C-alpha atoms as a PDB file:
ATOM      1  CA  UNK A   1     -48.690   4.424 -20.474  1.00  0.00           C
ATOM      2  CA  UNK A   2     -49.039   2.758 -23.772  1.00  0.00           C
ATOM      3  CA  UNK A   3     -49.879   6.059 -25.595  1.00  0.00           C
ATOM      4  CA  UNK A   4     -46.657   7.836 -24.044  1.00  0.00           C
ATOM      5  CA  UNK A   5     -44.610   4.974 -25.140  1.00  0.00           C
ATOM      6  CA  UNK A   6     -46.195   4.908 -28.590  1.00  0.00           C
ATOM      7  CA  UNK A   7     -45.657   8.664 -28.757  1.00  0.00           C
ATOM      8  CA  UNK A   8     -41.801   8.133 -28.131  1.00  0.00           C
ATOM      9  CA  UNK A   9     -41.638   5.324 -30.945  1.00  0.00           C
ATOM     10  CA  UNK A  10     -43.171   7.863 -33.141  1.00  0.00           C
ATOM     11  CA  UNK A  11     -40.905  10.885 -32.180  1.00  0.00           C
ATOM     12  CA  UNK A  12     -37.691   8.510 -32.549  1.00  0.00           C
ATOM     13  CA  UNK A  13     -38.787   7.023 -35.964  1.00  0.00           C
ATOM     14  CA  UNK A  14     -39.533  10.693 -37.362  1.00  0.00           C
ATOM     15  CA  UNK A  15     -36.105  11.743 -35.893  1.00  0.00           C
ATOM     16  CA  UNK A  16     -34.262   8.902 -37.390  1.00  0.00           C
ATOM     17  CA  UNK A  17     -36.073   9.273 -40.665  1.00  0.00           C
ATOM     18  CA  UNK A  18     -35.143  12.871 -40.904  1.00  0.00           C
ATOM     19  CA  UNK A  19     -38.646  14.204 -42.148  1.00  0.00           C
ATOM     20  CA  UNK A  20     -42.513  13.416 -41.859  1.00  0.00           C
ATOM     21  CA  UNK A  21     -42.849  11.914 -45.206  1.00  0.00           C
ATOM     22  CA  UNK A  22     -40.078   9.642 -45.067  1.00  0.00           C
ATOM     23  CA  UNK A  23     -41.166   8.564 -41.347  1.00  0.00           C
ATOM     24  CA  UNK A  24     -44.798   8.037 -42.767  1.00  0.00           C
ATOM     25  CA  UNK A  25     -43.470   5.630 -45.439  1.00  0.00           C
ATOM     26  CA  UNK A  26     -41.311   3.657 -42.668  1.00  0.00           C
ATOM     27  CA  UNK A  27     -44.455   3.553 -40.439  1.00  0.00           C
ATOM     28  CA  UNK A  28     -47.132   2.847 -43.455  1.00  0.00           C
ATOM     29  CA  UNK A  29     -49.029   5.972 -42.341  1.00  0.00           C
ATOM     30  CA  UNK A  30     -49.506   9.532 -44.128  1.00  0.00           C
ATOM     31  CA  UNK A  31     -47.792  12.786 -43.357  1.00  0.00           C
ATOM     32  CA  UNK A  32     -50.717  14.355 -42.555  1.00  0.00           C
ATOM     33  CA  UNK A  33     -51.395  11.931 -39.403  1.00  0.00           C
ATOM     34  CA  UNK A  34     -47.704  11.988 -38.393  1.00  0.00           C
ATOM     35  CA  UNK A  35     -47.909  15.634 -38.297  1.00  0.00           C
ATOM     36  CA  UNK A  36     -51.073  15.564 -35.949  1.00  0.00           C
ATOM     37  CA  UNK A  37     -49.700  13.037 -33.680  1.00  0.00           C
ATOM     38  CA  UNK A  38     -46.201  15.139 -33.496  1.00  0.00           C
ATOM     39  CA  UNK A  39     -48.623  18.179 -32.755  1.00  0.00           C
ATOM     40  CA  UNK A  40     -50.367  16.372 -30.014  1.00  0.00           C
ATOM     41  CA  UNK A  41     -47.040  15.357 -28.439  1.00  0.00           C
ATOM     42  CA  UNK A  42     -45.967  18.875 -28.498  1.00  0.00           C
ATOM     43  CA  UNK A  43     -49.078  19.884 -26.899  1.00  0.00           C
ATOM     44  CA  UNK A  44     -49.127  17.610 -24.127  1.00  0.00           C
ATOM     45  CA  UNK A  45     -45.797  18.520 -23.388  1.00  0.00           C
ATOM     46  CA  UNK A  46     -46.171  22.352 -23.767  1.00  0.00           C
ATOM     47  CA  UNK A  47     -43.167  22.845 -25.814  1.00  0.00           C
ATOM     48  CA  UNK A  48     -41.903  22.726 -29.321  1.00  0.00           C
ATOM     49  CA  UNK A  49     -39.697  19.732 -30.296  1.00  0.00           C
ATOM     50  CA  UNK A  50     -39.080  20.710 -34.020  1.00  0.00           C
ATOM     51  CA  UNK A  51     -38.766  23.834 -36.476  1.00  0.00           C
ATOM     52  CA  UNK A  52     -40.459  22.258 -39.563  1.00  0.00           C
ATOM     53  CA  UNK A  53     -39.943  23.369 -42.985  1.00  0.00           C
ATOM     54  CA  UNK A  54     -41.555  22.087 -46.206  1.00  0.00           C
ATOM     55  CA  UNK A  55     -38.706  19.459 -46.607  1.00  0.00           C
ATOM     56  CA  UNK A  56     -37.172  18.808 -43.297  1.00  0.00           C
ATOM     57  CA  UNK A  57     -36.867  19.760 -40.026  1.00  0.00           C
ATOM     58  CA  UNK A  58     -34.453  20.577 -37.105  1.00  0.00           C
ATOM     59  CA  UNK A  59     -34.732  19.643 -33.428  1.00  0.00           C
ATOM     60  CA  UNK A  60     -35.231  22.345 -30.989  1.00  0.00           C
ATOM     61  CA  UNK A  61     -33.436  22.067 -27.817  1.00  0.00           C
ATOM     62  CA  UNK A  62     -36.384  20.667 -26.094  1.00  0.00           C
ATOM     63  CA  UNK A  63     -36.390  18.040 -28.955  1.00  0.00           C
ATOM     64  CA  UNK A  64     -32.878  17.069 -28.680  1.00  0.00           C
ATOM     65  CA  UNK A  65     -33.123  16.304 -24.873  1.00  0.00           C
ATOM     66  CA  UNK A  66     -36.299  14.375 -25.514  1.00  0.00           C
ATOM     67  CA  UNK A  67     -34.894  12.349 -28.369  1.00  0.00           C
ATOM     68  CA  UNK A  68     -31.693  11.276 -26.423  1.00  0.00           C
ATOM     69  CA  UNK A  69     -33.950  10.458 -23.202  1.00  0.00           C
ATOM     70  CA  UNK A  70     -36.251   8.483 -25.145  1.00  0.00           C
ATOM     71  CA  UNK A  71     -33.739   6.720 -27.129  1.00  0.00           C
ATOM     72  CA  UNK A  72     -32.575   5.113 -23.632  1.00  0.00           C
ATOM     73  CA  UNK A  73     -36.080   4.418 -22.572  1.00  0.00           C
ATOM     74  CA  UNK A  74     -37.267   2.662 -25.607  1.00  0.00           C
ATOM     75  CA  UNK A  75     -33.948   0.487 -25.274  1.00  0.00           C
ATOM     76  CA  UNK A  76     -34.957  -0.275 -21.686  1.00  0.00           C
ATOM     77  CA  UNK A  77     -38.240  -1.301 -22.575  1.00  0.00           C
ATOM     78  CA  UNK A  78     -37.129  -3.568 -25.746  1.00  0.00           C
ATOM     79  CA  UNK A  79     -34.600  -5.172 -23.440  1.00  0.00           C
ATOM     80  CA  UNK A  80     -37.551  -5.894 -20.859  1.00  0.00           C
ATOM     81  CA  UNK A  81     -39.772  -7.260 -23.319  1.00  0.00           C
ATOM     82  CA  UNK A  82     -37.137  -9.454 -24.930  1.00  0.00           C
ATOM     83  CA  UNK A  83     -36.248 -10.519 -21.713  1.00  0.00           C
ATOM     84  CA  UNK A  84     -40.057 -11.613 -20.909  1.00  0.00           C
ATOM     85  CA  UNK A  85     -40.771 -13.179 -24.518  1.00  0.00           C
ATOM     86  CA  UNK A  86     -37.585 -15.167 -24.780  1.00  0.00           C
ATOM     87  CA  UNK A  87     -38.032 -16.378 -21.250  1.00  0.00           C
ATOM     88  CA  UNK A  88     -34.615 -15.276 -20.063  1.00  0.00           C
ATOM     89  CA  UNK A  89     -32.289 -12.012 -20.087  1.00  0.00           C
ATOM     90  CA  UNK A  90     -30.879 -10.756 -23.237  1.00  0.00           C
ATOM     91  CA  UNK A  91     -28.724  -7.967 -22.417  1.00  0.00           C
ATOM     92  CA  UNK A  92     -28.547  -5.130 -24.972  1.00  0.00           C
ATOM     93  CA  UNK A  93     -28.270  -1.604 -25.641  1.00  0.00           C
ATOM     94  CA  UNK A  94     -25.861   1.482 -25.178  1.00  0.00           C
ATOM     95  CA  UNK A  95     -23.569   1.362 -21.936  1.00  0.00           C
ATOM     96  CA  UNK A  96     -21.607   4.507 -20.960  1.00  0.00           C
ATOM     97  CA  UNK A  97     -18.814   3.808 -18.531  1.00  0.00           C
ATOM     98  CA  UNK A  98     -16.493   6.481 -16.735  1.00  0.00           C
ATOM     99  CA  UNK A  99     -12.912   5.894 -15.057  1.00  0.00           C
ATOM    100  CA  UNK A 100      -9.905   7.649 -14.046  1.00  0.00           C
ATOM    101  CA  UNK A 101      -7.216   7.675 -16.662  1.00  0.00           C
ATOM    102  CA  UNK A 102      -4.531   5.278 -15.356  1.00  0.00           C
ATOM    103  CA  UNK A 103      -6.782   2.469 -13.662  1.00  0.00           C
ATOM    104  CA  UNK A 104      -9.126   3.106 -16.635  1.00  0.00           C
ATOM    105  CA  UNK A 105      -6.503   2.458 -19.440  1.00  0.00           C
ATOM    106  CA  UNK A 106      -4.350  -0.626 -17.534  1.00  0.00           C
ATOM    107  CA  UNK A 107      -7.457  -2.234 -15.715  1.00  0.00           C
ATOM    108  CA  UNK A 108     -10.941  -1.414 -16.879  1.00  0.00           C
ATOM    109  CA  UNK A 109     -10.374  -1.292 -20.474  1.00  0.00           C
ATOM    110  CA  UNK A 110      -9.064  -4.995 -20.698  1.00  0.00           C
ATOM    111  CA  UNK A 111     -12.103  -5.730 -18.432  1.00  0.00           C
ATOM    112  CA  UNK A 112     -14.582  -4.070 -20.858  1.00  0.00           C
ATOM    113  CA  UNK A 113     -12.771  -5.952 -23.952  1.00  0.00           C
ATOM    114  CA  UNK A 114     -13.617  -9.371 -22.140  1.00  0.00           C
ATOM    115  CA  UNK A 115     -17.157  -8.174 -21.167  1.00  0.00           C
ATOM    116  CA  UNK A 116     -18.071  -7.235 -24.726  1.00  0.00           C
ATOM    117  CA  UNK A 117     -17.017 -10.920 -25.834  1.00  0.00           C
ATOM    118  CA  UNK A 118     -19.442 -12.039 -23.475  1.00  0.00           C
ATOM    119  CA  UNK A 119     -22.074  -9.595 -24.203  1.00  0.00           C
ATOM    120  CA  UNK A 120     -21.662  -8.535 -27.839  1.00  0.00           C
ATOM    121  CA  UNK A 121     -25.126  -6.840 -28.178  1.00  0.00           C
ATOM    122  CA  UNK A 122     -24.180  -4.210 -25.349  1.00  0.00           C
ATOM    123  CA  UNK A 123     -22.598  -1.214 -27.216  1.00  0.00           C
ATOM    124  CA  UNK A 124     -20.030   0.061 -24.370  1.00  0.00           C
ATOM    125  CA  UNK A 125     -18.452   3.688 -24.264  1.00  0.00           C
ATOM    126  CA  UNK A 126     -15.488   4.117 -22.145  1.00  0.00           C
ATOM    127  CA  UNK A 127     -14.917   7.734 -21.143  1.00  0.00           C
ATOM    128  CA  UNK A 128     -11.623   8.378 -19.215  1.00  0.00           C
ATOM    129  CA  UNK A 129     -10.940  11.644 -17.431  1.00  0.00           C
ATOM    130  CA  UNK A 130      -9.473  12.298 -13.890  1.00  0.00           C
ATOM    131  CA  UNK A 131     -11.649  15.321 -13.699  1.00  0.00           C
ATOM    132  CA  UNK A 132     -14.721  12.932 -12.661  1.00  0.00           C
ATOM    133  CA  UNK A 133     -17.911  14.032 -14.373  1.00  0.00           C
ATOM    134  CA  UNK A 134     -21.513  14.338 -14.175  1.00  0.00           C
ATOM    135  CA  UNK A 135     -23.527  11.169 -14.059  1.00  0.00           C
ATOM    136  CA  UNK A 136     -26.517  13.224 -15.786  1.00  0.00           C
ATOM    137  CA  UNK A 137     -24.943  15.803 -17.552  1.00  0.00           C
ATOM    138  CA  UNK A 138     -22.315  13.663 -19.328  1.00  0.00           C
ATOM    139  CA  UNK A 139     -24.328  10.906 -19.921  1.00  0.00           C
ATOM    140  CA  UNK A 140     -22.402   8.308 -17.881  1.00  0.00           C
ATOM    141  CA  UNK A 141     -24.706   5.000 -16.697  1.00  0.00           C
ATOM    142  CA  UNK A 142     -21.787   3.985 -14.449  1.00  0.00           C
ATOM    143  CA  UNK A 143     -18.760   5.827 -13.090  1.00  0.00           C
ATOM    144  CA  UNK A 144     -15.604   4.597 -11.227  1.00  0.00           C
ATOM    145  CA  UNK A 145     -14.348   6.833  -8.703  1.00  0.00           C
ATOM    146  CA  UNK A 146     -12.419   7.072  -5.726  1.00  0.00           C
ATOM    147  CA  UNK A 147     -14.028   9.946  -4.059  1.00  0.00           C
ATOM    148  CA  UNK A 148     -17.963   9.618  -2.986  1.00  0.00           C
ATOM    149  CA  UNK A 149     -20.095  12.154  -4.761  1.00  0.00           C
ATOM    150  CA  UNK A 150     -22.053  14.837  -2.396  1.00  0.00           C
ATOM    151  CA  UNK A 151     -25.209  13.735  -3.841  1.00  0.00           C
ATOM    152  CA  UNK A 152     -26.608  11.147  -1.462  1.00  0.00           C
ATOM    153  CA  UNK A 153     -29.346   9.721  -3.812  1.00  0.00           C
ATOM    154  CA  UNK A 154     -26.813   8.662  -5.799  1.00  0.00           C
ATOM    155  CA  UNK A 155     -26.185   4.668  -5.637  1.00  0.00           C
ATOM    156  CA  UNK A 156     -22.628   3.402  -4.446  1.00  0.00           C
ATOM    157  CA  UNK A 157     -20.932  -0.012  -4.651  1.00  0.00           C
ATOM    158  CA  UNK A 158     -17.516  -0.386  -3.362  1.00  0.00           C
ATOM    159  CA  UNK A 159     -15.475  -2.565  -6.177  1.00  0.00           C
ATOM    160  CA  UNK A 160     -11.816  -2.333  -5.097  1.00  0.00           C
ATOM    161  CA  UNK A 161      -9.546  -1.228  -2.393  1.00  0.00           C
ATOM    162  CA  UNK A 162      -5.931  -0.981  -1.601  1.00  0.00           C
ATOM    163  CA  UNK A 163      -3.140   1.099  -0.419  1.00  0.00           C
ATOM    164  CA  UNK A 164      -1.075   4.174  -1.824  1.00  0.00           C
ATOM    165  CA  UNK A 165       2.598   3.414  -2.435  1.00  0.00           C
ATOM    166  CA  UNK A 166       5.514   5.855  -2.664  1.00  0.00           C
ATOM    167  CA  UNK A 167       7.449   5.054  -5.635  1.00  0.00           C
ATOM    168  CA  UNK A 168      10.273   6.098  -8.161  1.00  0.00           C
ATOM    169  CA  UNK A 169      12.375   4.821 -10.867  1.00  0.00           C
ATOM    170  CA  UNK A 170      15.651   3.096 -10.090  1.00  0.00           C
ATOM    171  CA  UNK A 171      17.269   5.814 -11.891  1.00  0.00           C
ATOM    172  CA  UNK A 172      15.969   8.604  -9.661  1.00  0.00           C
ATOM    173  CA  UNK A 173      16.880   6.317  -6.373  1.00  0.00           C
ATOM    174  CA  UNK A 174      20.557   5.762  -7.798  1.00  0.00           C
ATOM    175  CA  UNK A 175      21.032   9.546  -8.329  1.00  0.00           C
ATOM    176  CA  UNK A 176      19.124  11.183  -5.138  1.00  0.00           C
ATOM    177  CA  UNK A 177      19.069   8.265  -3.021  1.00  0.00           C
ATOM    178  CA  UNK A 178      16.083   6.296  -0.855  1.00  0.00           C
ATOM    179  CA  UNK A 179      14.273   8.181   1.582  1.00  0.00           C
ATOM    180  CA  UNK A 180      14.578   6.335   4.987  1.00  0.00           C
ATOM    181  CA  UNK A 181      11.683   7.904   6.686  1.00  0.00           C
ATOM    182  CA  UNK A 182       8.467   9.948   5.504  1.00  0.00           C
ATOM    183  CA  UNK A 183      10.421  13.305   6.712  1.00  0.00           C
ATOM    184  CA  UNK A 184      13.484  12.334   4.201  1.00  0.00           C
ATOM    185  CA  UNK A 185      10.697  12.992   1.460  1.00  0.00           C
ATOM    186  CA  UNK A 186      11.221  16.856   2.167  1.00  0.00           C
ATOM    187  CA  UNK A 187      14.616  16.652   0.590  1.00  0.00           C
ATOM    188  CA  UNK A 188      13.178  15.102  -2.523  1.00  0.00           C
ATOM    189  CA  UNK A 189      11.557  16.147  -5.637  1.00  0.00           C
ATOM    190  CA  UNK A 190       7.780  14.929  -5.086  1.00  0.00           C
ATOM    191  CA  UNK A 191       5.152  14.791  -8.008  1.00  0.00           C
ATOM    192  CA  UNK A 192       2.123  15.818  -6.885  1.00  0.00           C
ATOM    193  CA  UNK A 193      -1.865  15.419  -8.124  1.00  0.00           C
ATOM    194  CA  UNK A 194      -3.902  18.681  -8.355  1.00  0.00           C
ATOM    195  CA  UNK A 195      -7.780  18.554  -8.439  1.00  0.00           C
ATOM    196  CA  UNK A 196      -9.521  21.962  -9.195  1.00  0.00           C
ATOM    197  CA  UNK A 197      -7.478  24.459  -6.658  1.00  0.00           C
ATOM    198  CA  UNK A 198      -6.438  21.682  -4.401  1.00  0.00           C
ATOM    199  CA  UNK A 199      -2.874  20.338  -4.533  1.00  0.00           C
ATOM    200  CA  UNK A 200      -2.539  16.998  -2.878  1.00  0.00           C
ATOM    201  CA  UNK A 201       0.618  17.470  -1.355  1.00  0.00           C
ATOM    202  CA  UNK A 202       0.049  16.199   2.113  1.00  0.00           C
ATOM    203  CA  UNK A 203       0.955  12.613   1.989  1.00  0.00           C
ATOM    204  CA  UNK A 204       0.189  10.424   5.241  1.00  0.00           C
ATOM    205  CA  UNK A 205       2.135   7.207   6.543  1.00  0.00           C
ATOM    206  CA  UNK A 206       1.645   5.124   9.353  1.00  0.00           C
ATOM    207  CA  UNK A 207       4.497   3.120  11.209  1.00  0.00           C
ATOM    208  CA  UNK A 208       2.314   1.095  14.010  1.00  0.00           C
ATOM    209  CA  UNK A 209       0.431   3.560  16.232  1.00  0.00           C
ATOM    210  CA  UNK A 210       2.141   6.544  14.897  1.00  0.00           C
ATOM    211  CA  UNK A 211       0.632   8.646  12.349  1.00  0.00           C
ATOM    212  CA  UNK A 212       3.131  11.003  10.104  1.00  0.00           C
ATOM    213  CA  UNK A 213       1.955  13.519   7.539  1.00  0.00           C
ATOM    214  CA  UNK A 214       4.322  15.254   5.413  1.00  0.00           C
ATOM    215  CA  UNK A 215       3.695  18.301   3.370  1.00  0.00           C
ATOM    216  CA  UNK A 216       6.079  17.472  -0.031  1.00  0.00           C
ATOM    217  CA  UNK A 217       7.088  19.732  -2.428  1.00  0.00           C
ATOM    218  CA  UNK A 218       8.552  19.528  -6.173  1.00  0.00           C
ATOM    219  CA  UNK A 219       8.671  21.167  -9.344  1.00  0.00           C
ATOM    220  CA  UNK A 220       6.022  18.923 -11.232  1.00  0.00           C
ATOM    221  CA  UNK A 221       2.233  18.956 -10.792  1.00  0.00           C
ATOM    222  CA  UNK A 222      -0.436  17.627 -12.862  1.00  0.00           C
ATOM    223  CA  UNK A 223      -4.052  17.181 -12.934  1.00  0.00           C
ATOM    224  CA  UNK A 224      -3.589  13.478 -14.729  1.00  0.00           C
ATOM    225  CA  UNK A 225      -2.589  10.486 -12.504  1.00  0.00           C
ATOM    226  CA  UNK A 226      -1.398   8.762 -15.649  1.00  0.00           C
ATOM    227  CA  UNK A 227       1.107  11.736 -16.445  1.00  0.00           C
ATOM    228  CA  UNK A 228       2.188  11.813 -12.891  1.00  0.00           C
ATOM    229  CA  UNK A 229       2.830   7.848 -13.032  1.00  0.00           C
ATOM    230  CA  UNK A 230       4.762   8.483 -16.570  1.00  0.00           C
ATOM    231  CA  UNK A 231       6.971  11.271 -14.804  1.00  0.00           C
ATOM    232  CA  UNK A 232       8.073   8.631 -12.269  1.00  0.00           C
ATOM    233  CA  UNK A 233       8.666   6.204 -14.651  1.00  0.00           C
ATOM    234  CA  UNK A 234      10.990   8.734 -16.462  1.00  0.00           C
ATOM    235  CA  UNK A 235      12.842   9.414 -13.304  1.00  0.00           C
ATOM    236  CA  UNK A 236      11.598  12.974 -12.658  1.00  0.00           C
ATOM    237  CA  UNK A 237      10.453  12.552  -9.226  1.00  0.00           C
ATOM    238  CA  UNK A 238       8.802  10.631  -6.452  1.00  0.00           C
ATOM    239  CA  UNK A 239       5.172   9.683  -6.730  1.00  0.00           C
ATOM    240  CA  UNK A 240       2.457   8.718  -4.525  1.00  0.00           C
ATOM    241  CA  UNK A 241       0.418   6.213  -6.315  1.00  0.00           C
ATOM    242  CA  UNK A 242      -2.403   3.800  -5.651  1.00  0.00           C
ATOM    243  CA  UNK A 243      -1.064   0.036  -5.729  1.00  0.00           C
ATOM    244  CA  UNK A 244      -3.721  -0.703  -8.615  1.00  0.00           C
ATOM    245  CA  UNK A 245      -2.042   1.911 -10.717  1.00  0.00           C
ATOM    246  CA  UNK A 246       1.660   0.332 -10.497  1.00  0.00           C
ATOM    247  CA  UNK A 247       1.379  -3.295  -9.883  1.00  0.00           C
ATOM    248  CA  UNK A 248       3.358  -4.328 -13.370  1.00  0.00           C
ATOM    249  CA  UNK A 249       5.903  -1.396 -12.646  1.00  0.00           C
ATOM    250  CA  UNK A 250       6.715  -2.846  -9.330  1.00  0.00           C
ATOM    251  CA  UNK A 251       6.835  -6.542 -10.760  1.00  0.00           C
ATOM    252  CA  UNK A 252       9.304  -5.716 -13.463  1.00  0.00           C
ATOM    253  CA  UNK A 253      11.398  -3.048 -11.326  1.00  0.00           C
ATOM    254  CA  UNK A 254      10.507  -0.101 -13.466  1.00  0.00           C
ATOM    255  CA  UNK A 255       9.415   1.474 -10.413  1.00  0.00           C
ATOM    256  CA  UNK A 256      10.799   0.763  -6.705  1.00  0.00           C
ATOM    257  CA  UNK A 257       8.595   0.998  -3.647  1.00  0.00           C
ATOM    258  CA  UNK A 258      10.075   3.210  -1.167  1.00  0.00           C
ATOM    259  CA  UNK A 259       9.469   3.578   2.732  1.00  0.00           C
ATOM    260  CA  UNK A 260       8.082  -0.159   3.029  1.00  0.00           C
ATOM    261  CA  UNK A 261       8.404  -0.068   6.574  1.00  0.00           C
ATOM    262  CA  UNK A 262       5.409   2.664   6.518  1.00  0.00           C
ATOM    263  CA  UNK A 263       1.934   2.023   4.817  1.00  0.00           C
ATOM    264  CA  UNK A 264      -0.826   4.653   3.848  1.00  0.00           C
ATOM    265  CA  UNK A 265      -4.564   4.877   4.382  1.00  0.00           C
ATOM    266  CA  UNK A 266      -6.944   2.822   2.587  1.00  0.00           C
ATOM    267  CA  UNK A 267      -7.984   3.812  -1.064  1.00  0.00           C
ATOM    268  CA  UNK A 268     -11.222   2.743  -2.399  1.00  0.00           C
ATOM    269  CA  UNK A 269     -12.780   2.636  -6.090  1.00  0.00           C
ATOM    270  CA  UNK A 270     -16.686   2.796  -6.061  1.00  0.00           C
ATOM    271  CA  UNK A 271     -18.880   2.078  -8.868  1.00  0.00           C
ATOM    272  CA  UNK A 272     -21.679   5.134  -8.928  1.00  0.00           C
ATOM    273  CA  UNK A 273     -24.771   5.051 -10.936  1.00  0.00           C
ATOM    274  CA  UNK A 274     -28.140   7.170 -10.580  1.00  0.00           C
ATOM    275  CA  UNK A 275     -30.531   4.301 -11.734  1.00  0.00           C
ATOM    276  CA  UNK A 276     -32.380   2.832  -8.746  1.00  0.00           C
ATOM    277  CA  UNK A 277     -34.146   0.659 -11.388  1.00  0.00           C
ATOM    278  CA  UNK A 278     -30.996  -1.097 -12.887  1.00  0.00           C
ATOM    279  CA  UNK A 279     -31.289  -1.994 -16.551  1.00  0.00           C
ATOM    280  CA  UNK A 280     -30.171  -5.731 -17.256  1.00  0.00           C
ATOM    281  CA  UNK A 281     -27.138  -4.334 -19.149  1.00  0.00           C
ATOM    282  CA  UNK A 282     -25.981  -2.200 -15.963  1.00  0.00           C
ATOM    283  CA  UNK A 283     -26.474  -5.088 -13.837  1.00  0.00           C
ATOM    284  CA  UNK A 284     -24.679  -7.581 -15.669  1.00  0.00           C
ATOM    285  CA  UNK A 285     -21.741  -5.210 -15.964  1.00  0.00           C
ATOM    286  CA  UNK A 286     -21.657  -4.463 -12.586  1.00  0.00           C
ATOM    287  CA  UNK A 287     -21.734  -8.266 -11.385  1.00  0.00           C
ATOM    288  CA  UNK A 288     -18.891  -8.757 -14.420  1.00  0.00           C
ATOM    289  CA  UNK A 289     -16.907  -5.818 -12.964  1.00  0.00           C
ATOM    290  CA  UNK A 290     -16.806  -7.020  -9.392  1.00  0.00           C
ATOM    291  CA  UNK A 291     -16.433 -10.594 -10.275  1.00  0.00           C
ATOM    292  CA  UNK A 292     -13.321  -9.748 -12.721  1.00  0.00           C
ATOM    293  CA  UNK A 293     -11.704  -7.342  -9.860  1.00  0.00           C
ATOM    294  CA  UNK A 294     -11.639  -9.899  -7.212  1.00  0.00           C
ATOM    295  CA  UNK A 295      -8.772 -11.209  -8.762  1.00  0.00           C
ATOM    296  CA  UNK A 296      -7.126  -8.123  -8.908  1.00  0.00           C
ATOM    297  CA  UNK A 297      -8.026  -7.445  -5.366  1.00  0.00           C
ATOM    298  CA  UNK A 298      -6.254 -10.859  -4.200  1.00  0.00           C
ATOM    299  CA  UNK A 299      -3.124  -9.768  -6.461  1.00  0.00           C
ATOM    300  CA  UNK A 300      -2.841  -6.577  -4.620  1.00  0.00           C
ATOM    301  CA  UNK A 301      -3.140  -7.916  -1.280  1.00  0.00           C
ATOM    302  CA  UNK A 302      -0.230 -10.434  -2.092  1.00  0.00           C
ATOM    303  CA  UNK A 303       1.729  -7.442  -3.594  1.00  0.00           C
ATOM    304  CA  UNK A 304       1.288  -5.089  -0.471  1.00  0.00           C
ATOM    305  CA  UNK A 305       2.332  -8.137   1.836  1.00  0.00           C
ATOM    306  CA  UNK A 306       5.665  -8.661  -0.189  1.00  0.00           C
ATOM    307  CA  UNK A 307       6.350  -5.113   0.040  1.00  0.00           C
ATOM    308  CA  UNK A 308       5.464  -4.557   3.468  1.00  0.00           C
ATOM    309  CA  UNK A 309       8.251  -5.230   6.255  1.00  0.00           C
ATOM    310  CA  UNK A 310       6.236  -4.108   9.232  1.00  0.00           C
ATOM    311  CA  UNK A 311       7.332  -5.216  12.795  1.00  0.00           C
ATOM    312  CA  UNK A 312       4.520  -6.444  14.711  1.00  0.00           C
ATOM    313  CA  UNK A 313       4.798  -6.235  18.639  1.00  0.00           C
END
């Protein structure tokens, strides 16, 4: 294993230097020795990693893949060695977080800012997308999602839960009136979210034991939860949003919750990740995420109780 790690460090050094001669000088070796070791590595892997010329080289597709993976592996090894040698945990390295646009911008981005203050040696990249993404192909370490992946090998940790709330701007309510029942939504312009070919136009409400499903319609659909939010604020229609996306808007009156005698099914936010051996930087982020979101969870529960006017019999 030591030889394999040494080869990875050598390959990373060659790529960083840009050519064999520069890498040899940096490692106090010779270009010939570097070339022999690189050839031996290629022979062991059974692929060409670089296309060499007299002065420089270019990475092959296999070389680019190895370089990307070996950087992460070496960072994990350095982190583990530092933790042992210093007698404690020293979180560092690169961390890529994926999140939906709306909650990512409003809740996760400020959280990451605070995390960065506590762990400045960790380089965090936040990728916002409502389309989800692939953990491996997109290089995401931890993805926050409301829909669980079909791959059962992926690790999952629930970090937040709330209800959806139907809401609209005061301007919309003044112009078109307030729906008194879920069925009244059929008379209103409802803004719907789209995922792939699926339109989320089936809105479910509960009132006591009664379940009411309404197939809403409207002239605006979008793949972006944030755009849906903006359209609702602009008075374009009624949106069905997770409560964690709109607490400030409800508190300020920019949005008004409707059908408060009814409630929706619970919506959950999950942290998903592929690594079973979680690097220190991922573990401290997950712990920080859960701790920080506890206060938001309590706030959402309070808002839900204040909005609700359910009659218990």
